[in-house]
Amino acid sequence: MTNRVTYAPQDFQKMCKQAERDHETKKLVELMERVKRQIAARQRHEDGDVVITTATRLPSRSVPLER
């Protein structure tokens, strides 16, 4: 027999909501970093620097089998 931790339903709901907020925060941070990189690339381009960038795209969780 394994020992399982059981949470009260209210605690479990709170944990789920916190996990969802954490996930949204992580997505927001990634978006902000991408925008910062784009702004920096535009500024370098306007200054005449040659910049070669590769776009990194995170897979969407809303599309089940994105390739």
N, C-alpha and C. Protein backbone atom coordinates (compact mmCIF):
# COMPACT_ATOMS: atom_id res chain seq x y z
N MET A 1 0.85 -1.18 0.00
CA MET A 1 0.00 0.00 0.00
C MET A 1 0.89 1.24 0.00
N THR A 2 0.58 2.18 -0.84
CA THR A 2 1.38 3.40 -0.92
C THR A 2 0.74 4.49 -0.08
N ASN A 3 1.58 5.36 0.40
CA ASN A 3 1.08 6.51 1.16
C ASN A 3 0.72 7.60 0.18
N ARG A 4 -0.47 8.07 0.23
CA ARG A 4 -0.92 9.15 -0.65
C ARG A 4 -1.32 10.34 0.20
N VAL A 5 -0.95 11.49 -0.30
CA VAL A 5 -1.34 12.72 0.37
C VAL A 5 -2.68 13.12 -0.22
N THR A 6 -3.64 13.32 0.63
CA THR A 6 -4.94 13.77 0.15
C THR A 6 -5.16 15.19 0.63
N TYR A 7 -5.57 16.02 -0.28
CA TYR A 7 -5.82 17.42 0.04
C TYR A 7 -7.32 17.63 0.14
N ALA A 8 -7.68 18.58 0.97
CA ALA A 8 -9.07 18.97 1.05
C ALA A 8 -9.46 19.58 -0.29
N PRO A 9 -10.72 19.44 -0.71
CA PRO A 9 -11.12 19.98 -2.01
C PRO A 9 -10.79 21.46 -2.17
N GLN A 10 -10.94 22.23 -1.12
CA GLN A 10 -10.64 23.66 -1.21
C GLN A 10 -9.16 23.88 -1.46
N ASP A 11 -8.31 23.12 -0.77
CA ASP A 11 -6.86 23.25 -0.96
C ASP A 11 -6.48 22.87 -2.38
N PHE A 12 -7.09 21.82 -2.89
CA PHE A 12 -6.78 21.36 -4.25
C PHE A 12 -7.18 22.43 -5.26
N GLN A 13 -8.35 23.04 -5.06
CA GLN A 13 -8.79 24.10 -5.97
C GLN A 13 -7.85 25.30 -5.91
N LYS A 14 -7.39 25.63 -4.71
CA LYS A 14 -6.44 26.74 -4.57
C LYS A 14 -5.13 26.42 -5.27
N MET A 15 -4.68 25.18 -5.13
CA MET A 15 -3.44 24.78 -5.78
C MET A 15 -3.58 24.83 -7.30
N CYS A 16 -4.72 24.42 -7.82
CA CYS A 16 -4.96 24.47 -9.27
C CYS A 16 -4.97 25.91 -9.77
N LYS A 17 -5.63 26.78 -9.04
CA LYS A 17 -5.68 28.19 -9.44
C LYS A 17 -4.29 28.81 -9.39
N GLN A 18 -3.50 28.45 -8.37
CA GLN A 18 -2.14 28.99 -8.28
C GLN A 18 -1.28 28.48 -9.43
N ALA A 19 -1.43 27.21 -9.78
CA ALA A 19 -0.67 26.64 -10.90
C ALA A 19 -1.05 27.33 -12.20
N GLU A 20 -2.33 27.63 -12.37
CA GLU A 20 -2.77 28.33 -13.57
C GLU A 20 -2.19 29.74 -13.63
N ARG A 21 -2.17 30.43 -12.49
CA ARG A 21 -1.58 31.78 -12.44
C ARG A 21 -0.08 31.71 -12.75
N ASP A 22 0.60 30.71 -12.20
CA ASP A 22 2.03 30.56 -12.45
C ASP A 22 2.29 30.33 -13.93
N HIS A 23 1.45 29.51 -14.56
CA HIS A 23 1.60 29.22 -15.98
C HIS A 23 1.37 30.48 -16.81
N GLU A 24 0.34 31.25 -16.47
CA GLU A 24 0.06 32.49 -17.18
C GLU A 24 1.20 33.49 -16.99
N THR A 25 1.76 33.54 -15.79
CA THR A 25 2.88 34.44 -15.52
C THR A 25 4.09 34.05 -16.37
N LYS A 26 4.34 32.75 -16.47
CA LYS A 26 5.47 32.29 -17.28
C LYS A 26 5.27 32.65 -18.75
N LYS A 27 4.05 32.48 -19.26
CA LYS A 27 3.77 32.84 -20.64
C LYS A 27 3.96 34.34 -20.86
N LEU A 28 3.53 35.15 -19.89
CA LEU A 28 3.67 36.60 -20.00
C LEU A 28 5.15 37.01 -20.00
N VAL A 29 5.95 36.39 -19.15
CA VAL A 29 7.38 36.69 -19.10
C VAL A 29 8.04 36.34 -20.43
N GLU A 30 7.69 35.19 -21.01
CA GLU A 30 8.25 34.78 -22.30
C GLU A 30 7.86 35.77 -23.40
N LEU A 31 6.61 36.22 -23.37
CA LEU A 31 6.15 37.19 -24.36
C LEU A 31 6.91 38.51 -24.21
N MET A 32 7.10 38.96 -22.98
CA MET A 32 7.81 40.21 -22.75
C MET A 32 9.26 40.10 -23.23
N GLU A 33 9.91 38.98 -22.99
CA GLU A 33 11.29 38.77 -23.45
C GLU A 33 11.35 38.80 -24.98
N ARG A 34 10.38 38.18 -25.63
CA ARG A 34 10.35 38.16 -27.09
C ARG A 34 10.19 39.58 -27.64
N VAL A 35 9.31 40.37 -27.02
CA VAL A 35 9.10 41.75 -27.46
C VAL A 35 10.37 42.57 -27.24
N LYS A 36 11.06 42.37 -26.12
CA LYS A 36 12.30 43.08 -25.86
C LYS A 36 13.34 42.76 -26.93
N ARG A 37 13.45 41.48 -27.31
CA ARG A 37 14.41 41.09 -28.34
C ARG A 37 14.05 41.73 -29.68
N GLN A 38 12.75 41.78 -29.99
CA GLN A 38 12.32 42.38 -31.25
C GLN A 38 12.64 43.88 -31.27
N ILE A 39 12.39 44.55 -30.17
CA ILE A 39 12.68 45.99 -30.09
C ILE A 39 14.18 46.22 -30.24
N ALA A 40 14.98 45.41 -29.56
CA ALA A 40 16.44 45.56 -29.66
C ALA A 40 16.91 45.31 -31.09
N ALA A 41 16.32 44.31 -31.76
CA ALA A 41 16.71 44.01 -33.14
C ALA A 41 16.34 45.17 -34.06
N ARG A 42 15.17 45.77 -33.85
CA ARG A 42 14.77 46.91 -34.67
C ARG A 42 15.71 48.09 -34.47
N GLN A 43 16.08 48.33 -33.22
CA GLN A 43 16.98 49.45 -32.93
C GLN A 43 18.34 49.22 -33.57
N ARG A 44 18.85 47.99 -33.52
CA ARG A 44 20.13 47.69 -34.15
C ARG A 44 20.01 47.85 -35.67
N HIS A 45 18.88 47.44 -36.21
CA HIS A 45 18.66 47.57 -37.66
C HIS A 45 18.62 49.04 -38.07
N GLU A 46 17.97 49.88 -37.26
CA GLU A 46 17.90 51.30 -37.56
C GLU A 46 19.27 51.97 -37.45
N ASP A 47 20.11 51.43 -36.58
CA ASP A 47 21.46 51.99 -36.41
C ASP A 47 22.40 51.54 -37.52
N GLY A 48 21.94 50.64 -38.37
CA GLY A 48 22.75 50.21 -39.50
C GLY A 48 23.54 48.94 -39.24
N ASP A 49 23.39 48.34 -38.09
CA ASP A 49 24.08 47.09 -37.80
C ASP A 49 23.42 45.96 -38.57
N VAL A 50 24.23 45.01 -39.00
CA VAL A 50 23.69 43.82 -39.66
C VAL A 50 23.39 42.81 -38.58
N VAL A 51 22.15 42.39 -38.52
CA VAL A 51 21.73 41.45 -37.48
C VAL A 51 21.06 40.27 -38.13
N ILE A 52 21.52 39.09 -37.77
CA ILE A 52 20.87 37.87 -38.24
C ILE A 52 20.22 37.24 -37.02
N THR A 53 18.91 37.14 -37.07
CA THR A 53 18.20 36.56 -35.94
C THR A 53 17.39 35.37 -36.40
N THR A 54 17.19 34.47 -35.48
CA THR A 54 16.30 33.34 -35.75
C THR A 54 15.16 33.43 -34.76
N ALA A 55 13.98 33.27 -35.26
CA ALA A 55 12.81 33.35 -34.39
C ALA A 55 12.59 31.99 -33.72
N THR A 56 12.47 32.03 -32.41
CA THR A 56 12.15 30.81 -31.69
C THR A 56 10.69 30.88 -31.31
N ARG A 57 9.96 29.87 -31.66
CA ARG A 57 8.53 29.87 -31.40
C ARG A 57 8.20 28.69 -30.50
N LEU A 58 7.54 28.98 -29.40
CA LEU A 58 7.13 27.92 -28.50
C LEU A 58 5.87 27.25 -29.04
N PRO A 59 5.77 25.96 -28.86
CA PRO A 59 4.58 25.27 -29.37
C PRO A 59 3.32 25.73 -28.63
N SER A 60 2.26 25.83 -29.37
CA SER A 60 0.99 26.27 -28.79
C SER A 60 0.33 25.10 -28.11
N ARG A 61 -0.17 25.33 -26.93
CA ARG A 61 -0.87 24.26 -26.22
C ARG A 61 -2.32 24.14 -26.67
N SER A 62 -2.80 25.14 -27.41
CA SER A 62 -4.18 25.10 -27.86
C SER A 62 -4.34 24.22 -29.10
N VAL A 63 -3.23 23.96 -29.78
CA VAL A 63 -3.26 23.09 -30.95
C VAL A 63 -2.70 21.74 -30.52
N PRO A 64 -3.51 20.68 -30.58
CA PRO A 64 -3.07 19.39 -30.02
C PRO A 64 -1.83 18.80 -30.71
N LEU A 65 -1.76 18.83 -32.02
CA LEU A 65 -0.65 18.19 -32.70
C LEU A 65 0.00 19.15 -33.68
N GLU A 66 0.58 20.19 -33.17
CA GLU A 66 1.24 21.15 -34.04
C GLU A 66 2.61 20.61 -34.44
N ARG A 67 2.94 20.72 -35.73
CA ARG A 67 4.23 20.23 -36.20
C ARG A 67 5.01 21.32 -36.85
